[in-house]
C-alpha atoms as a PDB file:
ATOM      1  CA  UNK A   1       0.000   0.000   0.000  1.00  0.00           C
ATOM      2  CA  UNK A   2       1.270   3.482  -0.883  1.00  0.00           C
ATOM      3  CA  UNK A   3       0.793   6.106   1.824  1.00  0.00           C
ATOM      4  CA  UNK A   4       0.746   9.674   0.466  1.00  0.00           C
ATOM      5  CA  UNK A   5       0.807  12.920   2.417  1.00  0.00           C
ATOM      6  CA  UNK A   6      -0.270  15.861   0.257  1.00  0.00           C
ATOM      7  CA  UNK A   7       0.969  19.065   1.878  1.00  0.00           C
ATOM      8  CA  UNK A   8       0.015  22.552   0.754  1.00  0.00           C
ATOM      9  CA  UNK A   9       2.899  25.032   0.644  1.00  0.00           C
ATOM     10  CA  UNK A  10       3.364  27.627   3.350  1.00  0.00           C
ATOM     11  CA  UNK A  11       2.060  31.180   3.190  1.00  0.00           C
ATOM     12  CA  UNK A  12       3.296  33.735   0.664  1.00  0.00           C
ATOM     13  CA  UNK A  13       2.762  37.482   0.645  1.00  0.00           C
ATOM     14  CA  UNK A  14       0.178  36.963  -2.116  1.00  0.00           C
ATOM     15  CA  UNK A  15      -1.711  34.530   0.156  1.00  0.00           C
ATOM     16  CA  UNK A  16      -1.548  37.107   2.929  1.00  0.00           C
ATOM     17  CA  UNK A  17      -3.043  39.788   0.674  1.00  0.00           C
ATOM     18  CA  UNK A  18      -5.631  37.523  -0.990  1.00  0.00           C
ATOM     19  CA  UNK A  19      -4.059  37.552  -4.448  1.00  0.00           C
ATOM     20  CA  UNK A  20      -4.583  34.760  -6.966  1.00  0.00           C
ATOM     21  CA  UNK A  21      -1.160  33.115  -7.399  1.00  0.00           C
ATOM     22  CA  UNK A  22      -1.858  30.229  -9.717  1.00  0.00           C
ATOM     23  CA  UNK A  23       1.198  29.394 -11.750  1.00  0.00           C
ATOM     24  CA  UNK A  24       3.017  32.617 -10.798  1.00  0.00           C
ATOM     25  CA  UNK A  25       6.196  31.694  -8.927  1.00  0.00           C
ATOM     26  CA  UNK A  26       5.751  33.555  -5.643  1.00  0.00           C
ATOM     27  CA  UNK A  27       8.168  32.736  -2.761  1.00  0.00           C
ATOM     28  CA  UNK A  28       7.302  31.864   0.825  1.00  0.00           C
ATOM     29  CA  UNK A  29       7.256  34.602   3.427  1.00  0.00           C
ATOM     30  CA  UNK A  30       8.544  34.191   6.992  1.00  0.00           C
ATOM     31  CA  UNK A  31       5.171  32.896   8.198  1.00  0.00           C
ATOM     32  CA  UNK A  32       5.194  30.312   5.410  1.00  0.00           C
ATOM     33  CA  UNK A  33       8.639  29.110   6.457  1.00  0.00           C
ATOM     34  CA  UNK A  34       7.448  28.747  10.065  1.00  0.00           C
ATOM     35  CA  UNK A  35       4.374  26.827   8.847  1.00  0.00           C
ATOM     36  CA  UNK A  36       6.651  24.479   6.896  1.00  0.00           C
ATOM     37  CA  UNK A  37       8.701  23.801  10.038  1.00  0.00           C
ATOM     38  CA  UNK A  38       5.466  23.008  11.917  1.00  0.00           C
ATOM     39  CA  UNK A  39       4.384  20.638   9.133  1.00  0.00           C
ATOM     40  CA  UNK A  40       7.689  18.823   9.580  1.00  0.00           C
ATOM     41  CA  UNK A  41       6.757  18.152  13.213  1.00  0.00           C
ATOM     42  CA  UNK A  42       3.310  16.954  12.169  1.00  0.00           C
ATOM     43  CA  UNK A  43       4.909  14.499   9.733  1.00  0.00           C
ATOM     44  CA  UNK A  44       7.622  13.093  12.005  1.00  0.00           C
ATOM     45  CA  UNK A  45       5.455  10.245  13.313  1.00  0.00           C
ATOM     46  CA  UNK A  46       6.263   8.079  10.276  1.00  0.00           C
ATOM     47  CA  UNK A  47       9.308   6.914   8.349  1.00  0.00           C
ATOM     48  CA  UNK A  48       9.211   8.549   4.902  1.00  0.00           C
ATOM     49  CA  UNK A  49      10.676   7.005   1.763  1.00  0.00           C
ATOM     50  CA  UNK A  50      10.285   9.875  -0.684  1.00  0.00           C
ATOM     51  CA  UNK A  51       9.827  13.666  -0.735  1.00  0.00           C
ATOM     52  CA  UNK A  52       8.671  15.397  -3.935  1.00  0.00           C
ATOM     53  CA  UNK A  53       7.030  18.696  -4.836  1.00  0.00           C
ATOM     54  CA  UNK A  54       5.536  20.927  -7.461  1.00  0.00           C
ATOM     55  CA  UNK A  55       8.231  22.788  -9.419  1.00  0.00           C
ATOM     56  CA  UNK A  56       7.028  26.182  -8.125  1.00  0.00           C
ATOM     57  CA  UNK A  57       9.429  27.660  -5.568  1.00  0.00           C
ATOM     58  CA  UNK A  58       6.900  28.051  -2.738  1.00  0.00           C
ATOM     59  CA  UNK A  59       6.205  24.300  -2.832  1.00  0.00           C
ATOM     60  CA  UNK A  60       9.852  23.322  -3.358  1.00  0.00           C
ATOM     61  CA  UNK A  61      11.037  25.459  -0.440  1.00  0.00           C
ATOM     62  CA  UNK A  62       8.275  24.100   1.801  1.00  0.00           C
ATOM     63  CA  UNK A  63       9.370  20.561   0.880  1.00  0.00           C
ATOM     64  CA  UNK A  64      13.019  21.379   1.567  1.00  0.00           C
ATOM     65  CA  UNK A  65      12.194  22.805   5.012  1.00  0.00           C
ATOM     66  CA  UNK A  66      10.126  19.711   5.852  1.00  0.00           C
ATOM     67  CA  UNK A  67      12.887  17.485   4.498  1.00  0.00           C
ATOM     68  CA  UNK A  68      15.528  19.169   6.652  1.00  0.00           C
ATOM     69  CA  UNK A  69      13.446  18.417   9.747  1.00  0.00           C
ATOM     70  CA  UNK A  70      12.787  14.809   8.699  1.00  0.00           C
ATOM     71  CA  UNK A  71      16.288  14.087   7.371  1.00  0.00           C
ATOM     72  CA  UNK A  72      15.115  13.361   3.818  1.00  0.00           C
ATOM     73  CA  UNK A  73      15.944  15.178   0.583  1.00  0.00           C
ATOM     74  CA  UNK A  74      13.491  16.241  -2.086  1.00  0.00           C
ATOM     75  CA  UNK A  75      14.332  14.084  -5.087  1.00  0.00           C
ATOM     76  CA  UNK A  76      11.854  15.109  -7.784  1.00  0.00           C
ATOM     77  CA  UNK A  77       9.357  17.678  -8.963  1.00  0.00           C
ATOM     78  CA  UNK A  78       6.103  16.834 -10.695  1.00  0.00           C
ATOM     79  CA  UNK A  79       4.841  19.511 -13.108  1.00  0.00           C
ATOM     80  CA  UNK A  80       1.321  18.055 -12.780  1.00  0.00           C
ATOM     81  CA  UNK A  81       1.338  19.117  -9.101  1.00  0.00           C
ATOM     82  CA  UNK A  82       1.668  22.820 -10.020  1.00  0.00           C
ATOM     83  CA  UNK A  83      -1.192  25.124  -9.103  1.00  0.00           C
ATOM     84  CA  UNK A  84      -4.085  25.913 -11.431  1.00  0.00           C
ATOM     85  CA  UNK A  85      -3.305  28.609 -13.959  1.00  0.00           C
ATOM     86  CA  UNK A  86      -5.624  31.576 -13.406  1.00  0.00           C
ATOM     87  CA  UNK A  87      -4.701  33.328 -16.655  1.00  0.00           C
ATOM     88  CA  UNK A  88      -5.076  37.087 -16.689  1.00  0.00           C
ATOM     89  CA  UNK A  89      -6.456  37.083 -13.125  1.00  0.00           C
ATOM     90  CA  UNK A  90      -3.146  36.064 -11.550  1.00  0.00           C
ATOM     91  CA  UNK A  91      -1.998  38.807  -9.207  1.00  0.00           C
ATOM     92  CA  UNK A  92      -5.517  40.156  -8.735  1.00  0.00           C
ATOM     93  CA  UNK A  93      -7.344  39.907  -5.421  1.00  0.00           C
ATOM     94  CA  UNK A  94     -10.497  37.796  -5.496  1.00  0.00           C
ATOM     95  CA  UNK A  95     -12.565  40.978  -5.245  1.00  0.00           C
ATOM     96  CA  UNK A  96     -10.761  42.709  -8.125  1.00  0.00           C
ATOM     97  CA  UNK A  97     -10.930  39.598 -10.304  1.00  0.00           C
ATOM     98  CA  UNK A  98     -14.670  39.263  -9.613  1.00  0.00           C
ATOM     99  CA  UNK A  99     -15.199  42.960 -10.380  1.00  0.00           C
ATOM    100  CA  UNK A 100     -13.479  42.561 -13.736  1.00  0.00           C
ATOM    101  CA  UNK A 101     -14.812  39.090 -14.623  1.00  0.00           C
ATOM    102  CA  UNK A 102     -18.026  38.594 -12.577  1.00  0.00           C
ATOM    103  CA  UNK A 103     -18.765  35.294 -14.298  1.00  0.00           C
ATOM    104  CA  UNK A 104     -15.467  33.869 -12.939  1.00  0.00           C
ATOM    105  CA  UNK A 105     -14.200  32.857 -16.366  1.00  0.00           C
ATOM    106  CA  UNK A 106     -10.863  34.631 -16.462  1.00  0.00           C
ATOM    107  CA  UNK A 107      -9.137  34.769 -19.856  1.00  0.00           C
ATOM    108  CA  UNK A 108      -6.603  31.929 -19.884  1.00  0.00           C
ATOM    109  CA  UNK A 109      -8.138  30.140 -16.857  1.00  0.00           C
ATOM    110  CA  UNK A 110      -7.226  26.452 -16.740  1.00  0.00           C
ATOM    111  CA  UNK A 111     -10.440  24.400 -16.711  1.00  0.00           C
ATOM    112  CA  UNK A 112     -11.063  22.717 -13.367  1.00  0.00           C
ATOM    113  CA  UNK A 113     -11.595  19.373 -15.106  1.00  0.00           C
ATOM    114  CA  UNK A 114      -8.087  19.625 -16.626  1.00  0.00           C
ATOM    115  CA  UNK A 115      -6.690  20.429 -13.176  1.00  0.00           C
ATOM    116  CA  UNK A 116      -8.375  17.343 -11.714  1.00  0.00           C
ATOM    117  CA  UNK A 117      -7.098  15.093 -14.496  1.00  0.00           C
ATOM    118  CA  UNK A 118      -3.479  16.202 -14.191  1.00  0.00           C
ATOM    119  CA  UNK A 119      -3.570  16.149 -10.380  1.00  0.00           C
ATOM    120  CA  UNK A 120      -4.857  12.575 -10.268  1.00  0.00           C
ATOM    121  CA  UNK A 121      -2.358  11.642 -12.986  1.00  0.00           C
ATOM    122  CA  UNK A 122       0.458  12.897 -10.721  1.00  0.00           C
ATOM    123  CA  UNK A 123      -0.622  10.924  -7.653  1.00  0.00           C
ATOM    124  CA  UNK A 124      -1.300   7.825  -9.779  1.00  0.00           C
ATOM    125  CA  UNK A 125       2.241   8.090 -11.152  1.00  0.00           C
ATOM    126  CA  UNK A 126       3.637   8.398  -7.630  1.00  0.00           C
ATOM    127  CA  UNK A 127       1.684   5.315  -6.499  1.00  0.00           C
ATOM    128  CA  UNK A 128       2.693   3.241  -9.531  1.00  0.00           C
ATOM    129  CA  UNK A 129       6.381   4.090  -9.288  1.00  0.00           C
ATOM    130  CA  UNK A 130       6.541   3.917  -5.483  1.00  0.00           C
ATOM    131  CA  UNK A 131       4.259   1.071  -4.378  1.00  0.00           C
ATOM    132  CA  UNK A 132       4.414   0.176  -0.707  1.00  0.00           C
ATOM    133  CA  UNK A 133       6.241   3.403   0.136  1.00  0.00           C
ATOM    134  CA  UNK A 134       5.411   6.456   2.222  1.00  0.00           C
ATOM    135  CA  UNK A 135       5.614   9.644   0.168  1.00  0.00           C
ATOM    136  CA  UNK A 136       5.305  13.349   0.958  1.00  0.00           C
ATOM    137  CA  UNK A 137       4.229  15.494  -2.001  1.00  0.00           C
ATOM    138  CA  UNK A 138       4.166  19.265  -1.474  1.00  0.00           C
ATOM    139  CA  UNK A 139       1.818  21.072  -3.818  1.00  0.00           C
ATOM    140  CA  UNK A 140      -0.870  23.776  -3.833  1.00  0.00           C
ATOM    141  CA  UNK A 141      -4.346  24.205  -2.399  1.00  0.00           C
ATOM    142  CA  UNK A 142      -6.202  24.174  -5.704  1.00  0.00           C
ATOM    143  CA  UNK A 143      -4.569  21.070  -7.119  1.00  0.00           C
ATOM    144  CA  UNK A 144      -4.758  19.198  -3.797  1.00  0.00           C
ATOM    145  CA  UNK A 145      -8.448  20.012  -3.474  1.00  0.00           C
ATOM    146  CA  UNK A 146      -9.035  18.939  -7.096  1.00  0.00           C
ATOM    147  CA  UNK A 147      -7.318  15.595  -6.401  1.00  0.00           C
ATOM    148  CA  UNK A 148      -9.357  15.028  -3.235  1.00  0.00           C
ATOM    149  CA  UNK A 149     -12.612  16.002  -4.980  1.00  0.00           C
ATOM    150  CA  UNK A 150     -11.906  13.642  -7.876  1.00  0.00           C
ATOM    151  CA  UNK A 151     -11.163  10.725  -5.551  1.00  0.00           C
ATOM    152  CA  UNK A 152     -14.017  11.358  -3.113  1.00  0.00           C
ATOM    153  CA  UNK A 153     -16.625  12.502  -5.636  1.00  0.00           C
ATOM    154  CA  UNK A 154     -17.703  15.369  -3.369  1.00  0.00           C
ATOM    155  CA  UNK A 155     -16.417  18.857  -2.656  1.00  0.00           C
ATOM    156  CA  UNK A 156     -13.618  19.069  -0.110  1.00  0.00           C
ATOM    157  CA  UNK A 157     -12.971  21.933   2.312  1.00  0.00           C
ATOM    158  CA  UNK A 158     -10.411  24.646   1.628  1.00  0.00           C
ATOM    159  CA  UNK A 159      -6.861  23.346   1.978  1.00  0.00           C
ATOM    160  CA  UNK A 160      -4.930  25.312   4.599  1.00  0.00           C
ATOM    161  CA  UNK A 161      -1.377  26.549   4.194  1.00  0.00           C
ATOM    162  CA  UNK A 162       0.805  23.586   5.201  1.00  0.00           C
ATOM    163  CA  UNK A 163      -2.321  21.522   5.784  1.00  0.00           C
ATOM    164  CA  UNK A 164      -1.538  17.807   5.572  1.00  0.00           C
ATOM    165  CA  UNK A 165      -4.027  15.560   3.787  1.00  0.00           C
ATOM    166  CA  UNK A 166      -3.329  11.832   3.648  1.00  0.00           C
ATOM    167  CA  UNK A 167      -4.311   9.161   1.162  1.00  0.00           C
ATOM    168  CA  UNK A 168      -3.649   5.468   0.720  1.00  0.00           C
ATOM    169  CA  UNK A 169      -3.499   3.483  -2.505  1.00  0.00           C
ATOM    170  CA  UNK A 170      -4.090  -0.258  -2.275  1.00  0.00           C
ATOM    171  CA  UNK A 171      -2.845  -1.014  -5.797  1.00  0.00           C
ATOM    172  CA  UNK A 172      -6.296  -0.445  -7.248  1.00  0.00           C
ATOM    173  CA  UNK A 173      -7.796   2.730  -5.853  1.00  0.00           C
ATOM    174  CA  UNK A 174      -7.207   5.720  -3.600  1.00  0.00           C
ATOM    175  CA  UNK A 175      -8.782   6.313  -0.206  1.00  0.00           C
ATOM    176  CA  UNK A 176      -8.676   9.755   1.383  1.00  0.00           C
ATOM    177  CA  UNK A 177      -7.825   9.279   5.064  1.00  0.00           C
ATOM    178  CA  UNK A 178      -7.533  12.894   6.274  1.00  0.00           C
ATOM    179  CA  UNK A 179      -8.020  16.426   4.964  1.00  0.00           C
ATOM    180  CA  UNK A 180      -6.062  19.159   6.751  1.00  0.00           C
ATOM    181  CA  UNK A 181      -5.275  16.553   9.406  1.00  0.00           C
ATOM    182  CA  UNK A 182      -8.939  15.721  10.091  1.00  0.00           C
ATOM    183  CA  UNK A 183     -10.193  12.160   9.514  1.00  0.00           C
ATOM    184  CA  UNK A 184     -12.647  11.850   6.633  1.00  0.00           C
ATOM    185  CA  UNK A 185     -14.414   8.714   7.829  1.00  0.00           C
ATOM    186  CA  UNK A 186     -15.468   7.247  11.135  1.00  0.00           C
ATOM    187  CA  UNK A 187     -14.407   3.904  12.490  1.00  0.00           C
ATOM    188  CA  UNK A 188     -17.171   2.322  14.621  1.00  0.00           C
END
């Protein structure tokens, strides 16, 4: 069984100010670095075999901070784990983007269905190339939520900065165990 921890990157100044980042390569701020250190503590209850990330610097740096705490190096980036491209709305606040494009269809916006397909493709690749391993993949809130929604078939809550969501793959299918550290199913 593959055990996968999907971790959202730490805070950036654009997160702080409510700007749409998407595929823009915005670095972590000091709060984001502290959040990454905290995520390392949250993840130190397991032996990890692999640490990977999105190629965007905020995810890569988050992974490297976690890896330093856990004593594991990031060995790969997965382009399919990059955040959704928001087209011309990147850099806008939600309010400003809505004021300009009230229908929410920003020019150049990556379709959500495409985001789901590439996100699931990334985690499927991780599971097929690393069966029976424990993997940390640091990515972005939008792509993580798209992956969880695709697997669960229902809308997931907002993914928090450095929130840890866990999944297992039994060789056939995925099961979402936690979202932002909260169990998704009850055991009676």
